[in-house]
Protein backbone atom coordinates (compact mmCIF):
# COMPACT_ATOMS: atom_id res chain seq x y z
CA MET A 1 -0.04 5.28 5.97
CA PRO A 2 3.17 3.92 7.54
CA LEU A 3 5.04 2.89 4.33
CA GLU A 4 4.20 4.34 0.96
CA ILE A 5 5.97 4.19 -2.39
CA VAL A 6 5.56 7.42 -4.34
CA ARG A 7 6.77 8.82 -7.64
CA ASN A 8 8.09 12.28 -6.89
CA ASP A 9 11.15 14.52 -6.63
CA ILE A 10 12.55 13.92 -3.14
CA THR A 11 13.56 17.59 -2.83
CA LYS A 12 9.85 18.51 -3.04
CA MET A 13 8.72 16.18 -0.24
CA LYS A 14 7.14 18.06 2.69
CA VAL A 15 8.28 15.72 5.45
CA ASP A 16 10.28 16.03 8.64
CA ALA A 17 13.41 14.54 7.08
CA ILE A 18 14.64 13.40 3.71
CA VAL A 19 17.50 10.95 3.29
CA ASN A 20 20.40 11.77 1.00
CA ALA A 21 22.26 8.97 -0.77
CA ALA A 22 25.62 10.66 -0.20
CA ASN A 23 29.24 9.81 -0.89
CA SER A 24 31.72 9.34 1.93
CA SER A 25 33.00 12.94 1.77
CA LEU A 26 29.48 14.37 2.27
CA LEU A 27 30.55 17.21 -0.01
CA GLY A 28 28.00 16.66 -2.74
CA GLY A 29 28.09 14.69 -5.95
CA GLY A 30 25.82 13.52 -8.72
CA GLY A 31 22.36 11.98 -8.78
CA VAL A 32 20.16 12.44 -5.71
CA ASP A 33 23.09 13.86 -3.74
CA GLY A 34 23.66 16.69 -6.23
CA CYS A 35 19.93 17.48 -6.50
CA ILE A 36 19.58 17.77 -2.72
CA HIS A 37 22.61 20.05 -2.38
CA ARG A 38 21.42 22.31 -5.20
CA ALA A 39 17.92 22.56 -3.73
CA ALA A 40 19.15 23.13 -0.17
CA GLY A 41 21.64 25.84 -1.11
CA PRO A 42 25.29 26.44 -0.16
CA ARG A 43 24.74 26.42 3.61
CA LEU A 44 24.13 22.66 3.50
CA LEU A 45 27.61 22.13 2.09
CA ASP A 46 29.06 24.44 4.77
CA GLU A 47 27.53 22.28 7.51
CA CYS A 48 28.56 19.03 5.81
CA ARG A 49 32.21 20.20 5.81
CA LEU A 50 32.08 20.18 9.62
CA LEU A 51 31.00 16.52 9.84
CA GLY A 52 34.28 14.94 8.76
CA GLY A 53 32.74 12.61 6.19
CA CYS A 54 30.76 9.43 6.79
CA ARG A 55 31.55 5.72 6.49
CA THR A 56 29.55 3.26 4.39
CA GLY A 57 26.48 2.03 6.22
CA GLU A 58 26.45 4.95 8.67
CA ALA A 59 24.39 8.16 8.71
CA LYS A 60 24.73 11.78 9.82
CA ILE A 61 22.15 14.56 10.09
CA THR A 62 22.11 18.25 9.14
CA GLY A 63 19.65 21.06 8.72
CA ALA A 64 17.65 21.29 5.49
CA TYR A 65 18.02 25.02 4.73
CA ASN A 66 16.06 25.81 1.53
CA LEU A 67 14.36 22.42 1.38
CA PRO A 68 10.72 22.04 2.57
CA CYS A 69 11.75 19.66 5.38
CA LYS A 70 13.48 20.04 8.75
CA TYR A 71 16.46 17.74 8.32
CA VAL A 72 18.61 15.99 5.77
CA ILE A 73 19.94 12.60 6.86
CA HIS A 74 23.07 11.69 4.88
CA THR A 75 23.92 8.02 4.49
CA VAL A 76 26.57 6.31 2.39
CA GLY A 77 25.42 3.22 0.54
CA PRO A 78 27.65 0.41 -0.69
CA VAL A 79 29.05 0.16 -4.21
CA TRP A 80 27.72 -3.03 -5.81
CA ARG A 81 30.45 -5.64 -6.37
CA GLU A 82 28.34 -8.66 -7.29
CA GLY A 83 27.13 -8.95 -3.70
CA LEU A 84 30.36 -10.59 -2.58
CA TYR A 85 31.54 -7.93 -0.12
CA GLY A 86 28.71 -7.52 2.35
CA GLU A 87 26.77 -5.05 0.22
CA ARG A 88 23.39 -6.18 1.52
CA GLU A 89 24.37 -5.85 5.19
CA LYS A 90 25.82 -2.39 4.54
CA LEU A 91 22.66 -1.29 2.72
CA VAL A 92 20.46 -2.57 5.57
CA SER A 93 22.66 -0.58 7.94
CA CYS A 94 22.05 2.60 5.89
CA TYR A 95 18.30 2.33 6.42
CA ARG A 96 18.54 1.37 10.08
CA ALA A 97 21.01 4.15 10.92
CA SER A 98 18.91 6.74 9.09
CA LEU A 99 15.68 5.65 10.80
CA ALA A 100 17.40 5.70 14.19
CA LEU A 101 18.55 9.30 13.62
CA ALA A 102 15.06 10.30 12.48
CA GLU A 103 13.51 8.77 15.59
CA GLU A 104 16.10 10.45 17.81
CA ARG A 105 15.10 13.86 16.38
CA GLY A 106 11.39 13.13 16.82
CA CYS A 107 10.61 12.86 13.11
CA GLU A 108 7.15 11.56 12.23
CA THR A 109 7.64 11.50 8.46
CA VAL A 110 10.75 10.48 6.51
CA ALA A 111 11.41 10.14 2.77
CA PHE A 112 14.07 7.80 1.33
CA PRO A 113 15.45 7.41 -2.17
CA LEU A 114 16.43 3.91 -3.29
CA ILE A 115 19.91 4.03 -1.81
CA SER A 116 22.81 2.72 -3.96
CA SER A 117 20.53 1.94 -6.92
CA GLY A 118 21.98 4.70 -9.12
CA ILE A 119 25.66 5.11 -10.02
CA TYR A 120 26.65 2.71 -7.22
CA GLY A 121 25.11 -0.04 -9.33
CA TYR A 122 23.08 -1.99 -6.77
CA PRO A 123 20.42 -3.96 -8.77
CA LYS A 124 17.21 -2.00 -8.47
CA ASP A 125 14.94 -4.94 -7.62
CA GLN A 126 17.31 -6.09 -4.87
CA ALA A 127 17.75 -2.52 -3.57
CA LEU A 128 13.97 -2.18 -3.36
CA ARG A 129 13.64 -5.50 -1.51
CA VAL A 130 16.22 -4.42 1.09
CA ALA A 131 14.50 -1.04 1.52
CA VAL A 132 11.02 -2.51 1.98
CA GLU A 133 12.10 -5.31 4.30
CA THR A 134 14.23 -3.07 6.53
CA ILE A 135 11.74 -0.21 6.75
CA SER A 136 8.74 -2.49 7.33
CA ALA A 137 10.57 -4.32 10.13
CA PHE A 138 11.25 -0.96 11.78
CA LEU A 139 7.63 0.16 11.44
CA LEU A 140 6.34 -2.95 13.21
CA GLU A 141 7.97 -1.55 16.35
CA HIS A 142 7.70 2.21 15.79
CA ASP A 143 5.10 4.78 14.78
CA MET A 144 6.39 6.72 11.79
CA THR A 145 5.31 7.36 8.21
CA VAL A 146 8.02 6.49 5.70
CA TYR A 147 8.06 7.15 1.96
CA ILE A 148 10.21 5.44 -0.63
CA VAL A 149 10.52 8.07 -3.34
CA VAL A 150 11.27 7.13 -6.94
CA PHE A 151 11.71 9.74 -9.63
CA ASP A 152 10.63 7.72 -12.67
CA ARG A 153 9.68 4.20 -13.75
CA ASN A 154 13.27 3.32 -14.72
CA SER A 155 14.39 3.80 -11.12
CA TYR A 156 11.84 1.29 -9.81
CA GLN A 157 11.90 -2.44 -10.53
CA ILE A 158 10.45 -5.55 -8.97
CA GLY A 159 11.84 -9.00 -9.73
CA LYS A 160 11.45 -10.05 -13.37
CA LYS A 161 9.95 -13.44 -12.49
CA LEU A 162 7.43 -11.91 -10.08
CA ARG A 163 6.40 -9.31 -12.65
CA SER A 164 6.06 -12.01 -15.31
CA ASP A 165 4.00 -14.30 -13.05
CA ILE A 166 1.66 -11.47 -12.02
CA GLN A 167 1.26 -10.29 -15.61
CA GLU A 168 0.34 -13.82 -16.70
CA TYR A 169 -2.16 -14.08 -13.82
CA ILE A 170 -3.70 -10.74 -14.86
CA ASP A 171 -3.86 -11.75 -18.53
CA ASP A 172 -5.62 -15.02 -17.73
CA ARG A 173 -8.37 -13.17 -15.86
CA TYR A 174 -8.50 -9.53 -16.92
CA ALA A 175 -8.43 -10.23 -20.68
CA ASP A 176 -11.36 -12.68 -20.55
CA GLU A 177 -13.45 -10.28 -18.52
CA HIS A 178 -12.92 -7.48 -21.06
CA ALA A 179 -13.24 -9.60 -24.20
CA ASP A 180 -17.03 -9.50 -23.74
CA SER A 181 -18.76 -6.80 -25.75
CA GLU A 182 -20.33 -3.86 -23.95
CA GLY A 183 -23.68 -4.67 -25.53
CA GLU A 184 -23.61 -8.25 -24.23
CA ARG A 185 -22.75 -7.09 -20.69
CA LEU A 186 -25.62 -4.56 -20.82
CA ARG A 187 -28.04 -7.24 -22.03
CA ARG A 188 -27.07 -9.56 -19.16
CA PHE A 189 -27.33 -6.72 -16.64
CA ASN A 190 -30.83 -5.73 -17.79
CA ALA A 191 -32.04 -9.33 -17.81
CA GLY A 192 -30.66 -9.83 -14.30
CA ALA A 193 -32.31 -6.66 -13.07
CA LEU A 194 -35.68 -7.75 -14.44
CA ARG A 195 -35.38 -11.19 -12.88
CA GLY A 196 -34.45 -9.58 -9.56
CA ALA A 197 -37.46 -7.27 -9.70
CA ALA A 198 -39.76 -10.15 -10.56
CA HIS A 199 -38.42 -12.22 -7.68
CA PHE A 200 -38.76 -9.35 -5.19
CA TYR A 201 -42.39 -8.69 -6.06
CA GLY A 202 -43.33 -12.35 -5.89
CA ALA A 203 -43.80 -12.71 -9.66
CA PRO A 204 -43.54 -15.96 -11.64
CA GLU A 205 -40.07 -17.10 -12.78
CA ARG A 206 -40.60 -15.83 -16.32
CA VAL A 207 -40.13 -12.09 -16.52
CA SER A 208 -42.68 -11.76 -19.30
CA GLU A 209 -45.40 -12.95 -16.92
CA CYS A 210 -44.90 -10.09 -14.42
CA ARG A 211 -48.14 -8.46 -13.34
CA VAL A 212 -49.00 -5.45 -11.18
CA MET A 213 -49.19 -6.55 -7.53
CA PRO A 214 -52.41 -6.36 -5.58
CA GLU A 215 -52.37 -3.82 -2.76
CA ARG A 216 -52.10 -6.56 -0.12
CA LYS A 217 -48.91 -7.92 -1.69
CA ALA A 218 -47.47 -4.41 -1.82
CA ALA A 219 -48.20 -3.91 1.90
CA ARG A 220 -46.59 -7.26 2.76
CA ALA A 221 -43.52 -6.37 0.69
CA ALA A 222 -43.17 -3.01 2.45
CA GLN A 223 -43.52 -4.71 5.82
CA SER A 224 -40.90 -7.27 4.84
CA LEU A 225 -38.54 -4.46 3.78
CA ASP A 226 -38.92 -2.76 7.17
CA ASP A 227 -38.19 -6.07 8.88
CA ALA A 228 -35.13 -6.66 6.71
CA VAL A 229 -33.69 -3.21 7.43
CA GLY A 230 -34.26 -3.80 11.13
CA GLU A 231 -32.25 -7.02 11.02
CA LEU A 232 -28.97 -5.84 9.53
CA ASP A 233 -25.98 -8.15 9.54
CA GLU A 234 -22.91 -7.20 11.57
CA SER A 235 -21.11 -4.16 10.21
CA PHE A 236 -17.60 -4.10 8.78
CA SER A 237 -16.26 -2.64 12.03
CA GLU A 238 -17.92 -5.34 14.12
CA ALA A 239 -16.71 -8.09 11.81
CA LEU A 240 -13.15 -6.73 11.82
CA LEU A 241 -12.94 -6.50 15.61
CA ARG A 242 -14.42 -9.99 15.94
CA MET A 243 -11.83 -11.43 13.56
CA ILE A 244 -8.97 -9.68 15.37
CA GLY A 245 -10.14 -11.27 18.63
CA GLU A 246 -10.63 -14.70 17.07
CA ARG A 247 -7.05 -14.66 15.81
CA GLY A 248 -5.62 -13.55 19.14
CA MET A 249 -4.11 -10.41 17.64
CA THR A 250 -3.71 -7.04 19.28
CA ASP A 251 -5.09 -3.94 17.58
CA ALA A 252 -1.56 -2.68 16.96
CA GLN A 253 -0.46 -5.94 15.36
CA CYS A 254 -3.42 -5.81 13.02
CA TYR A 255 -3.22 -2.20 11.86
CA LYS A 256 0.56 -2.32 11.46
CA ARG A 257 0.33 -5.47 9.34
CA ALA A 258 -2.38 -3.72 7.33
CA ASN A 259 -0.08 -0.70 6.76
CA ILE A 260 -2.70 1.56 8.36
CA ASP A 261 -1.93 4.23 10.93
CA ARG A 262 -3.28 4.25 14.47
CA LYS A 263 -5.58 7.26 13.98
CA HIS A 264 -7.33 5.62 11.05
CA PHE A 265 -7.81 2.41 13.02
CA SER A 266 -9.19 4.36 15.98
CA LYS A 267 -11.92 5.81 13.74
CA ILE A 268 -12.89 2.30 12.63
CA ARG A 269 -12.95 0.96 16.19
CA GLY A 270 -14.96 3.89 17.50
CA ASP A 271 -17.67 3.89 14.85
CA LYS A 272 -19.77 0.74 14.36
CA ALA A 273 -21.19 2.20 11.14
CA TYR A 274 -17.78 3.21 9.71
CA GLN A 275 -17.68 2.86 5.91
CA PRO A 276 -14.14 2.00 4.78
CA GLY A 277 -12.68 2.25 1.30
CA LYS A 278 -12.05 -0.93 -0.64
CA ARG A 279 -8.26 -0.70 -0.27
CA THR A 280 -8.65 -0.46 3.50
CA VAL A 281 -10.78 -3.62 3.58
CA LEU A 282 -8.25 -5.51 1.45
CA ALA A 283 -5.42 -4.31 3.68
CA PHE A 284 -7.15 -5.78 6.72
CA ALA A 285 -7.88 -9.01 4.83
CA VAL A 286 -4.15 -9.33 4.21
CA ALA A 287 -3.28 -8.46 7.83
CA LEU A 288 -5.72 -11.11 9.10
CA ARG A 289 -4.42 -13.67 6.57
CA LEU A 290 -7.89 -14.36 5.23
CA SER A 291 -8.54 -16.90 2.50
CA LEU A 292 -10.09 -15.70 -0.76
CA ARG A 293 -13.54 -16.82 0.45
CA GLU A 294 -13.07 -15.00 3.78
CA THR A 295 -11.77 -11.93 1.95
CA GLU A 296 -14.93 -11.86 -0.17
CA GLU A 297 -17.03 -12.08 2.99
CA LEU A 298 -15.22 -9.17 4.63
CA LEU A 299 -15.54 -7.11 1.45
CA ARG A 300 -19.30 -7.75 1.40
CA LYS A 301 -19.56 -6.32 4.92
CA ALA A 302 -18.45 -3.00 3.42
CA GLY A 303 -20.44 -3.35 0.18
CA PHE A 304 -17.57 -4.44 -2.09
CA ALA A 305 -16.44 -7.53 -3.99
CA LEU A 306 -13.29 -8.73 -5.74
CA SER A 307 -13.58 -7.99 -9.43
CA HIS A 308 -11.67 -9.28 -12.44
CA SER A 309 -12.39 -5.91 -14.03
CA SER A 310 -9.81 -4.45 -11.64
CA LYS A 311 -6.09 -5.12 -12.07
CA ALA A 312 -5.53 -4.16 -8.43
CA ASP A 313 -8.04 -6.78 -7.26
CA ILE A 314 -6.43 -9.44 -9.43
CA ILE A 315 -2.97 -8.63 -8.06
CA VAL A 316 -4.19 -8.88 -4.46
CA GLU A 317 -5.98 -12.12 -5.33
CA TYR A 318 -2.71 -13.44 -6.81
CA PHE A 319 -0.88 -12.96 -3.50
CA ILE A 320 -3.68 -14.27 -1.27
CA ALA A 321 -4.13 -17.37 -3.44
CA ARG A 322 -0.43 -18.12 -2.92
CA GLY A 323 -0.53 -17.51 0.82
CA ASN A 324 1.72 -14.44 0.64
CA TYR A 325 0.31 -11.93 3.14
CA ASN A 326 3.20 -9.46 3.19
CA ILE A 327 1.42 -6.13 2.68
CA PHE A 328 4.63 -4.42 1.64
CA GLU A 329 5.42 -6.94 -1.10
CA ILE A 330 1.85 -6.64 -2.35
CA ASN A 331 2.21 -2.86 -2.47
CA GLU A 332 5.49 -3.18 -4.38
CA ALA A 333 3.65 -5.14 -7.05
CA LEU A 334 0.69 -2.74 -7.08
CA PHE A 335 3.02 0.22 -7.55
CA ALA A 336 4.90 -1.58 -10.33
CA PHE A 337 1.61 -2.04 -12.20
CA ASP A 338 0.49 1.58 -11.58
CA GLN A 339 -2.24 0.63 -9.10
CA ASN A 340 -3.19 2.30 -5.83
CA LEU A 341 -1.55 0.82 -2.75
CA LEU A 342 -3.31 -0.95 0.10
CA GLY A 343 -3.76 0.77 3.43
CA ALA A 344 -4.13 4.31 2.14
């Protein structure tokens, strides 16, 4: 998928290039910088000595040596000084300059740390917002897979108010759904199944009055089943392509806004019977800016439904209900609550 947030050690990422949050000397330091130099070995430092340092907001590229990638892109982030000295613009420049170098070298996969969010003191939630906004804007115009790599939960934060609002939304829905006893849910399920069976076989409304069908009724039911199977509704793929056309979108606009790569979309377009995963359906619902009712309809095309037994579903519902269709912001929240991201 084009932009993914992962919890990992950046020195273990098997990508074309990793980005180093370096200092201006490019001669190594603490944090991510020190880890990358130790993992790459002494030849990385030898090459960095030839580069003559790097200014804040700029980037330079070297080989990767002992790392499992091809290149290391070194960029110097700003030191946080209450946001009064152009820190945001300089941080945006770090991401843009690094992505430009990666594209110039033909990189298809790039992994970033959260630049400046360590000893440089940039607030983690704001650093994340800059990273996501800048990378996602780049990906709307370019084909590349980019990872934001965080080492542990403490290095990853979304805004406190957003987290609080989402948690309250989850509590209002998820808690009620799970307060019900397992026995009560099983009783309701069994009763519903019996009613459904009675209705299908043409039985009276009361389940207790069910009787064995005559052979003629059984034949008619079988014939009706054959007819029903022969009159299937439009498939997920057909519905998706229809909706893209109705909204005047191009294929590329749709799959990029859904955070889905071109190859995956090509499979969906080329196979009328394609069976997507639930996260893929929700990603397209977000890309198409569907209402909750329309989202439910698209999910049904693939055999799914929104469920208040799923925190991920509730989080997506939270954003759609508020008209926020930014797939990257939704994925930030999903990652913060330890849920799978959309588009994968």
